[in-house]
N, C-alpha and C. Protein backbone atom coordinates (compact mmCIF):
# COMPACT_ATOMS: atom_id res chain seq x y z
N MET A 1 -19.26 11.70 -9.32
CA MET A 1 -19.84 11.16 -8.13
C MET A 1 -18.61 10.39 -7.47
N THR A 2 -18.60 10.30 -6.16
CA THR A 2 -17.56 9.68 -5.38
C THR A 2 -18.25 8.49 -4.65
N HIS A 3 -17.95 7.29 -4.75
CA HIS A 3 -18.36 6.10 -4.08
C HIS A 3 -17.38 5.83 -3.19
N ARG A 4 -17.63 5.64 -1.71
CA ARG A 4 -16.58 5.29 -0.85
C ARG A 4 -16.93 3.75 -0.37
N THR A 5 -15.89 2.99 -0.43
CA THR A 5 -16.00 1.67 0.13
C THR A 5 -14.93 1.41 1.20
N LEU A 6 -15.55 0.99 2.20
CA LEU A 6 -14.70 0.48 3.26
C LEU A 6 -14.37 -0.81 3.59
N THR A 7 -13.28 -1.24 3.52
CA THR A 7 -12.86 -2.73 3.74
C THR A 7 -11.96 -2.72 5.02
N THR A 8 -12.07 -3.86 5.55
CA THR A 8 -11.13 -4.14 6.78
C THR A 8 -10.14 -5.18 6.53
N GLY A 9 -9.19 -5.40 7.43
CA GLY A 9 -8.14 -6.26 7.42
C GLY A 9 -8.74 -7.71 7.63
N THR A 10 -7.85 -8.82 7.77
CA THR A 10 -8.15 -10.05 8.21
C THR A 10 -8.94 -10.07 9.54
N ALA A 11 -10.14 -11.09 9.48
CA ALA A 11 -10.76 -11.04 10.69
C ALA A 11 -9.95 -11.54 12.03
N GLY A 12 -10.06 -10.86 13.02
CA GLY A 12 -9.41 -11.18 14.10
C GLY A 12 -8.11 -10.75 14.24
N LEU A 13 -7.62 -10.09 13.24
CA LEU A 13 -6.00 -9.67 13.17
C LEU A 13 -5.65 -9.02 14.46
N ARG A 14 -6.30 -8.02 14.93
CA ARG A 14 -5.97 -7.23 16.09
C ARG A 14 -5.81 -7.97 17.51
N HIS A 15 -6.32 -9.39 17.52
CA HIS A 15 -6.52 -9.96 18.55
C HIS A 15 -5.83 -11.38 18.51
N SER A 16 -5.17 -11.60 17.41
CA SER A 16 -4.56 -12.72 17.12
C SER A 16 -2.87 -12.88 17.34
N ALA A 17 -2.49 -13.29 18.18
CA ALA A 17 -0.90 -13.18 18.64
C ALA A 17 -0.17 -13.89 17.36
N LEU A 18 -0.57 -15.06 16.92
CA LEU A 18 0.14 -15.65 16.06
C LEU A 18 0.27 -15.14 14.69
N LEU A 19 -0.71 -14.27 14.19
CA LEU A 19 -0.60 -13.70 12.94
C LEU A 19 0.40 -12.45 12.91
N ALA A 20 0.81 -12.09 14.31
CA ALA A 20 1.71 -11.10 14.13
C ALA A 20 2.88 -11.16 13.14
N LEU A 21 3.54 -12.55 13.18
CA LEU A 21 4.71 -12.63 12.41
C LEU A 21 4.81 -13.39 11.19
N CYS A 22 3.28 -13.63 10.65
CA CYS A 22 3.16 -14.17 9.30
C CYS A 22 3.63 -13.27 8.25
N CYS A 23 3.43 -11.91 8.31
CA CYS A 23 3.98 -11.24 7.16
C CYS A 23 4.76 -10.30 7.68
N ALA A 24 5.50 -10.41 8.86
CA ALA A 24 6.43 -9.48 9.40
C ALA A 24 7.83 -10.23 9.10
N ALA A 25 8.77 -9.53 9.73
CA ALA A 25 10.04 -9.81 9.27
C ALA A 25 10.37 -11.20 9.58
N LEU A 26 9.99 -11.87 10.43
CA LEU A 26 10.64 -13.33 10.82
C LEU A 26 9.79 -14.32 9.94
N LEU A 27 8.80 -14.17 9.38
CA LEU A 27 7.98 -15.32 8.59
C LEU A 27 8.33 -15.08 7.14
N ALA A 28 8.83 -15.91 6.50
CA ALA A 28 9.31 -15.60 4.97
C ALA A 28 8.20 -16.33 4.12
N GLY A 29 7.59 -17.28 4.96
CA GLY A 29 6.51 -18.02 3.85
C GLY A 29 5.20 -17.50 3.61
N CYS A 30 4.88 -16.02 4.33
CA CYS A 30 3.60 -15.69 4.15
C CYS A 30 3.67 -14.60 3.08
N ALA A 31 4.88 -14.22 2.46
CA ALA A 31 4.91 -13.07 1.55
C ALA A 31 5.58 -13.87 0.27
N SER A 32 4.97 -13.02 -0.78
CA SER A 32 5.08 -13.68 -2.23
C SER A 32 6.88 -13.36 -2.37
N LYS A 33 7.06 -12.10 -1.77
CA LYS A 33 8.79 -11.89 -1.84
C LYS A 33 8.81 -11.30 -0.44
N PRO A 34 9.80 -11.97 0.30
CA PRO A 34 9.95 -11.62 1.63
C PRO A 34 10.85 -10.04 1.53
N PRO A 35 10.33 -9.45 2.48
CA PRO A 35 11.17 -7.96 2.55
C PRO A 35 12.45 -8.19 3.00
N GLU A 36 13.27 -7.34 2.32
CA GLU A 36 14.74 -7.23 2.67
C GLU A 36 15.14 -6.34 3.94
N PRO A 37 15.92 -7.11 4.78
CA PRO A 37 16.18 -6.35 6.02
C PRO A 37 16.98 -4.92 5.86
N MET A 38 16.71 -4.05 6.71
CA MET A 38 17.74 -2.68 6.53
C MET A 38 18.57 -2.97 7.76
N VAL A 39 20.05 -2.75 7.32
CA VAL A 39 21.08 -3.06 8.46
C VAL A 39 21.95 -1.82 8.51
N ASP A 40 22.11 -1.63 9.87
CA ASP A 40 23.08 -0.41 10.28
C ASP A 40 24.01 -1.10 11.49
N PHE A 41 25.19 -0.55 11.45
CA PHE A 41 26.25 -1.03 12.25
C PHE A 41 26.97 0.06 12.72
N ASN A 42 27.62 0.07 13.89
CA ASN A 42 28.98 0.84 14.03
C ASN A 42 30.34 0.53 13.26
N PRO A 43 30.55 1.56 12.43
CA PRO A 43 31.70 0.89 11.50
C PRO A 43 33.05 1.03 12.27
N GLY A 44 33.13 1.61 13.56
CA GLY A 44 34.40 1.55 14.07
C GLY A 44 34.43 0.33 15.22
N TYR A 45 33.30 -0.50 15.40
CA TYR A 45 33.52 -1.53 16.21
C TYR A 45 34.02 -2.75 15.35
N ASP A 46 34.79 -3.58 16.50
CA ASP A 46 35.55 -4.57 16.04
C ASP A 46 34.90 -5.82 16.07
N PHE A 47 34.10 -6.37 15.21
CA PHE A 47 33.35 -7.53 15.19
C PHE A 47 34.25 -8.96 15.05
N SER A 48 35.31 -8.70 14.75
CA SER A 48 36.25 -9.91 14.47
C SER A 48 36.36 -10.84 15.73
N GLY A 49 36.20 -10.24 16.87
CA GLY A 49 36.42 -11.12 18.05
C GLY A 49 34.89 -11.58 18.65
N VAL A 50 34.03 -11.73 17.80
CA VAL A 50 32.62 -11.86 18.42
C VAL A 50 32.48 -13.69 18.18
N ASP A 51 32.65 -14.22 19.38
CA ASP A 51 32.26 -15.67 19.22
C ASP A 51 31.25 -16.06 19.93
N SER A 52 30.80 -15.43 20.90
CA SER A 52 29.68 -15.77 21.60
C SER A 52 28.58 -14.62 21.92
N VAL A 53 27.37 -15.21 22.06
CA VAL A 53 26.25 -14.19 22.20
C VAL A 53 25.20 -14.73 23.24
N ALA A 54 24.65 -13.96 24.13
CA ALA A 54 23.75 -14.06 25.14
C ALA A 54 22.39 -13.49 24.83
N TRP A 55 21.45 -13.73 25.44
CA TRP A 55 20.15 -12.94 25.29
C TRP A 55 20.06 -11.84 26.28
N LEU A 56 19.62 -10.83 25.85
CA LEU A 56 19.44 -9.53 26.74
C LEU A 56 17.93 -9.94 27.36
N ARG A 57 17.99 -9.44 28.66
CA ARG A 57 16.73 -10.01 29.56
C ARG A 57 15.80 -9.47 29.02
N GLU A 58 15.74 -8.17 28.33
CA GLU A 58 14.37 -7.52 27.96
C GLU A 58 13.88 -8.07 26.49
N SER A 59 14.81 -8.89 25.86
CA SER A 59 14.49 -9.33 24.70
C SER A 59 12.97 -9.90 24.54
N GLY A 60 12.32 -9.63 23.34
CA GLY A 60 11.02 -10.36 22.98
C GLY A 60 9.76 -9.49 23.16
N ARG A 61 10.04 -8.05 23.33
CA ARG A 61 9.06 -7.08 23.49
C ARG A 61 8.16 -6.73 22.47
N VAL A 62 6.97 -6.38 22.76
CA VAL A 62 6.03 -6.07 21.68
C VAL A 62 5.40 -4.90 22.11
N THR A 63 5.50 -3.95 21.27
CA THR A 63 5.02 -2.32 21.64
C THR A 63 4.22 -1.92 20.52
N GLY A 64 3.57 -0.86 20.73
CA GLY A 64 2.98 -0.07 19.49
C GLY A 64 1.49 0.37 19.62
N GLU A 65 0.76 0.74 18.65
CA GLU A 65 -0.65 1.38 18.74
C GLU A 65 -1.40 -0.05 18.79
N ASN A 66 -0.89 -1.18 18.34
CA ASN A 66 -1.83 -2.50 18.49
C ASN A 66 -0.84 -3.64 19.02
N PRO A 67 -0.64 -3.44 20.20
CA PRO A 67 0.44 -4.56 20.85
C PRO A 67 -0.25 -5.90 20.61
N LEU A 68 0.59 -7.03 20.18
CA LEU A 68 -0.06 -8.25 20.11
C LEU A 68 0.76 -9.15 21.27
N ARG A 69 -0.14 -10.08 21.94
CA ARG A 69 0.25 -10.62 22.77
C ARG A 69 0.74 -12.15 22.11
N LEU A 70 2.00 -12.37 22.08
CA LEU A 70 2.70 -13.43 21.31
C LEU A 70 2.51 -14.49 22.46
N SER A 71 2.07 -15.91 21.97
CA SER A 71 2.57 -16.93 22.71
C SER A 71 3.70 -17.37 23.08
N ASP A 72 3.88 -18.27 24.20
CA ASP A 72 5.21 -18.66 24.60
C ASP A 72 5.97 -19.55 23.46
N MET A 73 4.83 -20.43 22.71
CA MET A 73 5.39 -21.11 21.57
C MET A 73 5.98 -20.18 20.65
N THR A 74 5.27 -19.07 20.17
CA THR A 74 5.81 -18.28 19.00
C THR A 74 7.09 -17.80 19.50
N ARG A 75 7.24 -17.34 20.82
CA ARG A 75 8.54 -16.69 21.16
C ARG A 75 9.54 -17.55 21.13
N ASP A 76 9.38 -18.90 21.41
CA ASP A 76 10.51 -20.06 21.61
C ASP A 76 10.93 -20.40 20.17
N ARG A 77 9.94 -20.26 19.09
CA ARG A 77 10.28 -20.49 17.70
C ARG A 77 11.08 -19.26 17.34
N ILE A 78 10.76 -18.08 17.55
CA ILE A 78 11.61 -16.92 17.14
C ILE A 78 13.07 -17.08 17.83
N ASP A 79 13.21 -17.28 18.99
CA ASP A 79 14.39 -17.44 19.75
C ASP A 79 15.29 -18.45 19.08
N LEU A 80 14.46 -19.58 18.98
CA LEU A 80 15.39 -20.84 18.39
C LEU A 80 16.05 -20.48 16.99
N ALA A 81 14.99 -19.90 16.27
CA ALA A 81 15.47 -19.42 14.71
C ALA A 81 16.70 -18.51 14.64
N LEU A 82 16.70 -17.52 15.52
CA LEU A 82 17.83 -16.62 15.73
C LEU A 82 19.15 -17.49 16.13
N VAL A 83 18.92 -18.40 16.94
CA VAL A 83 20.16 -19.12 17.45
C VAL A 83 20.56 -20.00 16.49
N HIS A 84 19.61 -20.69 15.88
CA HIS A 84 20.38 -21.32 14.45
C HIS A 84 21.03 -20.60 13.66
N ALA A 85 20.50 -19.32 13.39
CA ALA A 85 21.20 -18.43 12.39
C ALA A 85 22.57 -18.07 12.91
N LEU A 86 22.72 -17.91 14.13
CA LEU A 86 23.90 -17.58 14.68
C LEU A 86 24.97 -18.81 14.80
N GLU A 87 24.34 -19.80 15.03
CA GLU A 87 25.43 -21.12 14.84
C GLU A 87 25.66 -21.58 13.76
N ALA A 88 24.87 -21.26 12.66
CA ALA A 88 25.43 -21.52 11.20
C ALA A 88 26.62 -20.70 10.89
N LYS A 89 26.85 -19.66 11.60
CA LYS A 89 28.02 -18.69 11.22
C LYS A 89 29.07 -18.87 12.35
N GLY A 90 28.92 -20.16 13.12
CA GLY A 90 30.10 -20.54 14.04
C GLY A 90 30.23 -19.59 15.22
N ILE A 91 29.01 -18.73 15.55
CA ILE A 91 28.79 -18.26 17.01
C ILE A 91 28.15 -19.06 18.02
N ARG A 92 28.59 -19.07 18.93
CA ARG A 92 28.00 -19.75 20.14
C ARG A 92 26.89 -19.13 20.87
N MET A 93 25.94 -19.71 21.43
CA MET A 93 24.77 -18.82 22.05
C MET A 93 25.13 -19.53 23.60
N VAL A 94 25.50 -18.58 24.46
CA VAL A 94 25.70 -18.94 25.82
C VAL A 94 24.54 -18.50 26.81
N ASP A 95 24.42 -19.10 27.83
CA ASP A 95 23.50 -18.87 28.81
C ASP A 95 23.75 -17.72 29.74
N ASP A 96 24.98 -17.38 30.35
CA ASP A 96 25.40 -16.28 31.04
C ASP A 96 25.97 -15.13 30.23
N PRO A 97 24.99 -14.06 30.39
CA PRO A 97 25.61 -12.67 29.61
C PRO A 97 26.95 -12.38 30.10
N ALA A 98 27.48 -12.86 31.13
CA ALA A 98 28.86 -12.33 31.55
C ALA A 98 29.80 -13.00 30.67
N ASP A 99 29.60 -14.20 30.21
CA ASP A 99 30.41 -14.83 29.39
C ASP A 99 30.11 -14.55 27.74
N ALA A 100 29.38 -13.59 27.27
CA ALA A 100 29.08 -13.19 25.88
C ALA A 100 29.97 -12.04 25.52
N ASP A 101 30.12 -12.16 24.24
CA ASP A 101 30.74 -10.79 23.71
C ASP A 101 29.86 -9.85 23.36
N LEU A 102 28.50 -10.37 22.95
CA LEU A 102 27.27 -9.39 22.67
C LEU A 102 26.11 -10.03 23.07
N LEU A 103 25.22 -9.02 23.45
CA LEU A 103 23.90 -9.48 23.84
C LEU A 103 22.83 -9.39 22.55
N MET A 104 21.96 -10.32 22.42
CA MET A 104 21.07 -10.05 21.29
C MET A 104 19.65 -9.90 22.01
N SER A 105 18.99 -9.10 21.22
CA SER A 105 17.60 -8.81 21.62
C SER A 105 16.68 -8.64 20.26
N TRP A 106 15.56 -9.06 20.42
CA TRP A 106 14.61 -8.85 19.27
C TRP A 106 13.50 -8.06 19.93
N HIS A 107 12.67 -7.14 19.00
CA HIS A 107 11.61 -6.38 19.49
C HIS A 107 10.71 -6.19 18.18
N LEU A 108 9.28 -6.48 18.40
CA LEU A 108 8.45 -6.30 17.45
C LEU A 108 7.57 -5.20 17.84
N ALA A 109 7.49 -3.95 16.73
CA ALA A 109 6.67 -2.72 17.14
C ALA A 109 5.53 -2.86 15.98
N THR A 110 4.53 -2.10 16.59
CA THR A 110 3.24 -2.43 15.61
C THR A 110 2.81 -0.98 15.50
N GLU A 111 2.08 -0.74 14.28
CA GLU A 111 1.42 0.64 13.99
C GLU A 111 0.28 0.51 13.28
N ASP A 112 -0.97 0.98 13.49
CA ASP A 112 -1.96 1.05 12.76
C ASP A 112 -1.91 2.04 11.62
N LYS A 113 -2.25 1.46 10.39
CA LYS A 113 -2.17 2.27 9.18
C LYS A 113 -3.58 2.21 8.52
N THR A 114 -3.88 3.16 7.43
CA THR A 114 -4.85 3.38 6.65
C THR A 114 -4.48 3.42 5.04
N ASP A 115 -4.73 2.59 4.31
CA ASP A 115 -4.58 2.53 2.95
C ASP A 115 -5.74 3.20 2.21
N VAL A 116 -5.57 4.16 1.34
CA VAL A 116 -6.66 4.76 0.72
C VAL A 116 -6.25 4.83 -0.86
N ARG A 117 -7.11 4.34 -1.70
CA ARG A 117 -7.02 4.14 -3.20
C ARG A 117 -8.13 4.79 -3.83
N THR A 118 -7.98 5.45 -4.85
CA THR A 118 -8.86 5.94 -5.58
C THR A 118 -8.73 5.48 -7.11
N TYR A 119 -10.00 5.07 -7.85
CA TYR A 119 -9.94 4.64 -9.29
C TYR A 119 -11.27 5.08 -9.99
N GLU A 120 -11.16 5.01 -11.16
CA GLU A 120 -12.37 5.72 -11.98
C GLU A 120 -13.16 4.53 -12.47
N THR A 121 -14.36 4.38 -12.45
CA THR A 121 -15.18 3.33 -13.15
C THR A 121 -16.34 3.81 -13.69
N PRO A 122 -16.80 3.25 -14.90
CA PRO A 122 -18.01 3.75 -15.49
C PRO A 122 -19.28 3.61 -14.70
N SER A 123 -20.00 4.66 -14.88
CA SER A 123 -21.45 4.45 -13.94
C SER A 123 -22.45 3.42 -14.99
N HIS A 124 -23.46 3.07 -14.35
CA HIS A 124 -24.25 2.08 -14.82
C HIS A 124 -25.23 2.89 -15.78
N GLY A 125 -25.80 2.01 -16.92
CA GLY A 125 -26.42 2.97 -17.87
C GLY A 125 -25.83 3.76 -18.74
N GLY A 126 -24.57 3.30 -19.20
CA GLY A 126 -24.05 4.23 -20.07
C GLY A 126 -24.64 4.28 -21.53
N MET A 127 -24.22 5.62 -22.21
CA MET A 127 -24.61 5.85 -23.40
C MET A 127 -24.09 5.23 -24.44
N TYR A 128 -24.67 5.11 -25.64
CA TYR A 128 -24.48 4.58 -26.82
C TYR A 128 -23.99 5.64 -27.97
N GLY A 129 -23.29 5.13 -28.79
CA GLY A 129 -22.80 5.99 -29.97
C GLY A 129 -23.02 5.32 -31.22
N VAL A 130 -23.17 6.10 -32.24
CA VAL A 130 -23.48 5.22 -33.53
C VAL A 130 -22.16 5.44 -34.47
N GLY A 131 -21.83 4.22 -34.87
CA GLY A 131 -20.43 4.42 -35.76
C GLY A 131 -20.80 3.70 -37.13
N TRP A 132 -19.87 3.80 -37.86
CA TRP A 132 -19.89 3.33 -39.34
C TRP A 132 -19.27 2.21 -39.60
N GLY A 133 -20.23 0.98 -39.59
CA GLY A 133 -19.31 -0.40 -39.54
C GLY A 133 -18.89 -0.76 -40.75
N PRO A 134 -18.45 -2.27 -41.00
CA PRO A 134 -18.13 -2.79 -42.14
C PRO A 134 -19.34 -2.86 -43.04
N TYR A 135 -18.98 -3.03 -44.39
CA TYR A 135 -20.01 -3.49 -45.45
C TYR A 135 -21.05 -2.17 -45.37
N ASN A 136 -20.72 -0.93 -45.17
CA ASN A 136 -21.60 0.09 -45.07
C ASN A 136 -22.87 0.04 -44.29
N ARG A 137 -22.75 -0.77 -43.30
CA ARG A 137 -23.73 -0.97 -42.30
C ARG A 137 -23.70 -0.17 -40.92
N TYR A 138 -24.70 0.40 -40.48
CA TYR A 138 -24.49 1.12 -39.12
C TYR A 138 -24.32 0.03 -38.08
N ALA A 139 -23.39 0.23 -37.13
CA ALA A 139 -23.20 -0.56 -36.04
C ALA A 139 -23.22 0.18 -34.74
N MET A 140 -23.90 -0.49 -33.72
CA MET A 140 -23.82 0.30 -32.39
C MET A 140 -22.71 -0.27 -31.76
N TYR A 141 -22.06 0.53 -31.04
CA TYR A 141 -20.76 0.38 -30.15
C TYR A 141 -20.96 1.16 -28.88
N ASN A 142 -20.17 0.70 -27.80
CA ASN A 142 -20.24 1.47 -26.61
C ASN A 142 -19.28 2.38 -26.65
N CYS A 143 -19.88 3.59 -26.38
CA CYS A 143 -18.93 4.99 -26.50
C CYS A 143 -18.45 5.28 -25.25
N TRP A 144 -16.96 4.85 -24.66
CA TRP A 144 -16.53 4.84 -23.45
C TRP A 144 -16.61 6.30 -23.04
N SER A 145 -16.03 7.12 -24.05
CA SER A 145 -16.05 8.64 -23.69
C SER A 145 -17.28 9.19 -23.37
N CYS A 146 -18.30 8.45 -24.07
CA CYS A 146 -19.62 9.23 -23.63
C CYS A 146 -20.23 8.84 -22.36
N MET A 147 -19.78 7.83 -21.78
CA MET A 147 -20.43 7.15 -20.62
C MET A 147 -19.91 7.98 -19.20
N PRO A 148 -20.71 8.27 -18.43
CA PRO A 148 -20.27 9.11 -17.07
C PRO A 148 -19.41 8.13 -16.44
N THR A 149 -18.53 8.68 -15.63
CA THR A 149 -17.65 7.70 -14.78
C THR A 149 -17.96 8.32 -13.13
N ARG A 150 -17.43 7.43 -12.21
CA ARG A 150 -17.60 7.82 -10.87
C ARG A 150 -16.32 7.48 -10.37
N THR A 151 -15.76 8.05 -9.35
CA THR A 151 -14.65 7.81 -8.59
C THR A 151 -14.93 7.05 -7.45
N ASP A 152 -14.33 5.84 -7.33
CA ASP A 152 -14.51 5.06 -6.12
C ASP A 152 -13.32 5.12 -5.26
N VAL A 153 -13.52 5.01 -3.99
CA VAL A 153 -12.52 5.27 -2.72
C VAL A 153 -12.46 3.99 -1.94
N SER A 154 -11.20 3.24 -2.09
CA SER A 154 -11.24 2.09 -1.31
C SER A 154 -10.41 2.33 -0.07
N VAL A 155 -10.92 2.20 1.22
CA VAL A 155 -10.31 2.57 2.41
C VAL A 155 -10.04 1.16 3.10
N SER A 156 -8.68 0.68 3.46
CA SER A 156 -8.68 -0.41 4.06
C SER A 156 -7.77 -0.20 5.44
N GLN A 157 -7.97 -0.84 6.41
CA GLN A 157 -7.14 -0.57 7.77
C GLN A 157 -6.22 -1.90 7.97
N TYR A 158 -4.94 -1.67 8.21
CA TYR A 158 -3.91 -2.73 8.34
C TYR A 158 -3.12 -2.46 9.39
N THR A 159 -2.23 -3.33 9.86
CA THR A 159 -1.30 -3.01 10.91
C THR A 159 0.05 -3.38 10.25
N LEU A 160 1.13 -2.37 10.54
CA LEU A 160 2.18 -2.60 10.02
C LEU A 160 3.06 -3.01 11.26
N GLY A 161 3.85 -4.14 10.96
CA GLY A 161 4.80 -4.58 11.84
C GLY A 161 6.31 -4.42 11.73
N THR A 162 7.04 -3.92 12.57
CA THR A 162 8.47 -3.77 12.32
C THR A 162 9.17 -4.58 13.21
N PHE A 163 9.99 -5.42 12.56
CA PHE A 163 10.54 -6.59 13.60
C PHE A 163 12.32 -6.34 13.68
N ILE A 164 12.71 -6.04 14.74
CA ILE A 164 14.00 -5.19 14.99
C ILE A 164 14.91 -6.15 15.75
N VAL A 165 16.09 -6.54 15.24
CA VAL A 165 17.17 -7.35 16.05
C VAL A 165 18.31 -6.48 16.48
N ASP A 166 18.59 -6.31 17.65
CA ASP A 166 19.87 -5.70 17.88
C ASP A 166 21.13 -6.55 18.64
N MET A 167 22.14 -6.41 18.37
CA MET A 167 23.35 -6.71 19.05
C MET A 167 24.14 -5.67 19.74
N ILE A 168 23.99 -5.88 21.03
CA ILE A 168 24.38 -4.85 22.01
C ILE A 168 25.64 -5.11 22.70
N ASP A 169 26.78 -4.17 22.98
CA ASP A 169 27.93 -4.48 23.64
C ASP A 169 27.80 -4.16 25.02
N PRO A 170 27.91 -5.24 25.84
CA PRO A 170 27.51 -5.23 27.35
C PRO A 170 28.37 -4.23 28.09
N THR A 171 29.64 -3.76 27.58
CA THR A 171 30.34 -2.94 28.40
C THR A 171 29.88 -1.49 27.90
N LEU A 172 29.79 -1.28 26.58
CA LEU A 172 29.26 -0.01 26.18
C LEU A 172 27.60 0.13 26.53
N GLU A 173 26.83 -0.77 26.78
CA GLU A 173 25.49 -0.69 26.89
C GLU A 173 24.81 -0.15 25.54
N LYS A 174 25.23 -0.24 24.49
CA LYS A 174 24.73 0.38 23.31
C LYS A 174 24.72 -0.92 22.32
N SER A 175 23.65 -0.54 21.22
CA SER A 175 23.47 -1.30 20.12
C SER A 175 24.57 -0.94 19.17
N VAL A 176 25.42 -2.06 18.67
CA VAL A 176 26.38 -1.91 17.91
C VAL A 176 26.07 -2.50 16.44
N TRP A 177 24.92 -3.23 16.19
CA TRP A 177 24.51 -3.71 15.09
C TRP A 177 23.06 -3.77 15.03
N ARG A 178 22.18 -3.72 14.04
CA ARG A 178 20.71 -3.61 14.08
C ARG A 178 20.45 -4.34 12.61
N SER A 179 19.08 -4.88 12.62
CA SER A 179 18.65 -5.43 11.53
C SER A 179 17.10 -5.10 11.62
N VAL A 180 16.62 -4.43 10.54
CA VAL A 180 15.06 -3.90 10.87
C VAL A 180 14.22 -4.44 9.34
N THR A 181 13.34 -4.91 9.69
CA THR A 181 12.35 -5.45 8.65
C THR A 181 10.81 -4.97 9.01
N SER A 182 10.27 -4.33 7.75
CA SER A 182 8.77 -3.95 7.91
C SER A 182 7.74 -4.67 7.13
N SER A 183 6.61 -4.77 7.63
CA SER A 183 5.69 -5.57 6.46
C SER A 183 4.51 -5.45 7.27
N ARG A 184 3.29 -5.48 6.23
CA ARG A 184 1.90 -5.68 6.96
C ARG A 184 1.79 -7.06 7.49
N LEU A 185 1.08 -7.08 8.70
CA LEU A 185 0.63 -8.02 9.43
C LEU A 185 -0.40 -8.63 8.89
N LYS A 186 -0.18 -9.92 8.44
CA LYS A 186 -1.47 -10.67 7.91
C LYS A 186 -1.06 -12.08 7.51
N GLY A 187 -1.99 -12.91 7.31
CA GLY A 187 -1.58 -14.50 6.87
C GLY A 187 -2.22 -15.61 7.90
N GLU A 188 -1.78 -16.63 7.70
CA GLU A 188 -2.17 -17.57 8.72
C GLU A 188 -1.14 -18.09 9.60
N PRO A 189 -1.47 -18.62 10.83
CA PRO A 189 -0.62 -18.89 11.82
C PRO A 189 0.64 -20.03 11.14
N GLU A 190 1.65 -19.68 11.54
CA GLU A 190 2.79 -20.50 10.99
C GLU A 190 3.34 -21.10 12.16
N ARG A 191 3.64 -22.52 11.99
CA ARG A 191 4.25 -23.40 13.02
C ARG A 191 5.41 -24.06 12.74
N ASP A 192 5.73 -23.87 11.39
CA ASP A 192 6.87 -24.67 10.86
C ASP A 192 8.22 -23.98 10.96
N GLN A 193 8.81 -24.62 11.81
CA GLN A 193 10.32 -23.89 12.29
C GLN A 193 11.15 -23.69 11.18
N ASP A 194 11.22 -24.55 10.36
CA ASP A 194 12.06 -24.31 9.01
C ASP A 194 11.71 -22.96 8.52
N LYS A 195 10.60 -22.44 8.37
CA LYS A 195 10.42 -21.15 7.91
C LYS A 195 10.95 -20.20 8.74
N TYR A 196 10.62 -20.34 10.09
CA TYR A 196 11.33 -19.28 11.02
C TYR A 196 12.76 -19.35 10.76
N ASP A 197 13.55 -20.43 10.70
CA ASP A 197 14.90 -20.29 10.46
C ASP A 197 15.33 -19.95 9.20
N SER A 198 14.39 -19.92 8.18
CA SER A 198 14.82 -19.33 6.76
C SER A 198 14.94 -17.82 6.95
N ALA A 199 13.88 -17.24 7.79
CA ALA A 199 13.69 -15.90 7.93
C ALA A 199 14.70 -15.32 8.74
N ALA A 200 14.99 -16.21 9.71
CA ALA A 200 16.02 -15.73 10.63
C ALA A 200 17.50 -15.56 10.08
N ALA A 201 17.82 -16.66 9.21
CA ALA A 201 18.95 -16.54 8.48
C ALA A 201 19.21 -15.25 7.48
N ARG A 202 18.09 -14.90 6.74
CA ARG A 202 18.05 -13.81 6.14
C ARG A 202 18.35 -12.45 6.78
N ILE A 203 17.72 -12.44 8.04
CA ILE A 203 17.64 -11.20 8.90
C ILE A 203 19.03 -11.07 9.43
N LEU A 204 19.73 -12.20 9.84
CA LEU A 204 21.09 -12.12 10.33
C LEU A 204 22.26 -12.30 9.26
N ALA A 205 21.81 -12.37 7.86
CA ALA A 205 22.76 -12.45 7.06
C ALA A 205 24.06 -11.55 6.98
N ALA A 206 23.74 -10.57 7.38
CA ALA A 206 24.82 -9.51 7.18
C ALA A 206 25.59 -9.36 8.68
N PHE A 207 25.24 -10.14 9.49
CA PHE A 207 25.82 -10.33 10.81
C PHE A 207 27.15 -11.35 10.97
N PRO A 208 28.25 -11.16 11.54
CA PRO A 208 28.99 -9.73 11.72
C PRO A 208 29.12 -9.11 10.38
N PRO A 209 29.34 -7.92 10.23
CA PRO A 209 29.64 -7.16 9.02
C PRO A 209 31.01 -7.74 8.40
N GLY A 210 30.75 -8.19 6.96
CA GLY A 210 32.02 -8.77 6.51
C GLY A 210 31.93 -10.44 6.48
N ILE A 211 31.06 -11.03 7.29
CA ILE A 211 30.82 -12.47 7.51
C ILE A 211 29.67 -12.95 6.65
N ALA A 212 29.91 -13.92 5.89
CA ALA A 212 28.89 -14.68 5.04
C ALA A 212 27.98 -15.61 5.73
N ALA A 213 26.97 -15.85 5.30
CA ALA A 213 25.66 -16.92 6.02
C ALA A 213 26.69 -18.12 6.05
N GLY A 214 27.62 -18.50 5.42
CA GLY A 214 28.15 -19.93 5.50
C GLY A 214 28.94 -20.13 6.51
N GLY A 215 29.65 -19.07 7.42
CA GLY A 215 30.31 -19.33 8.37
C GLY A 215 31.55 -18.58 8.24
N ARG A 216 32.21 -18.70 9.37
CA ARG A 216 33.82 -17.78 9.42
C ARG A 216 34.86 -18.66 8.38
């Protein structure tokens, strides 16, 4: 017999903007082990001369099947965290894109997912067997192999968030470095700037290629 159990994610998840980053790439504090970013870059690009970065005008977009509306406060925390991570490497954040070596942009993409798991459990009213116990006395025991089982199916809905940071060459108008982190969106709203800063430092740890987090 198959028993189907339908469970849902955190209440209000699909309509809460602040929850978007609690388990996504930017917030380290909501996961027991923060996801490691996947980094790609143009190996032929010379990153040694990168001293200044400006924001791409289109930065901060949220797209996907379940787009979340981020508050201005959340966007500001994300921006500030990424700026802090660059400054820790000795890279200046400038206001005018014309004065920047690279342009930085972040993007949150969402995707609805279904998690299906099956497992065997004993049915109620199991049978008993008879065994030969100590001191030559009969003993009753639960006969697991004699008990009928059923297959339970647990179905849960969740939203997968993918946080992407791009470094774009303004002349080539192409991304030359990218960091991507994916995780389930869940958790409580996070307002601690230090946690944003910690996560941003991890996301930008490999930028520029060959430069450690402690600076140049």
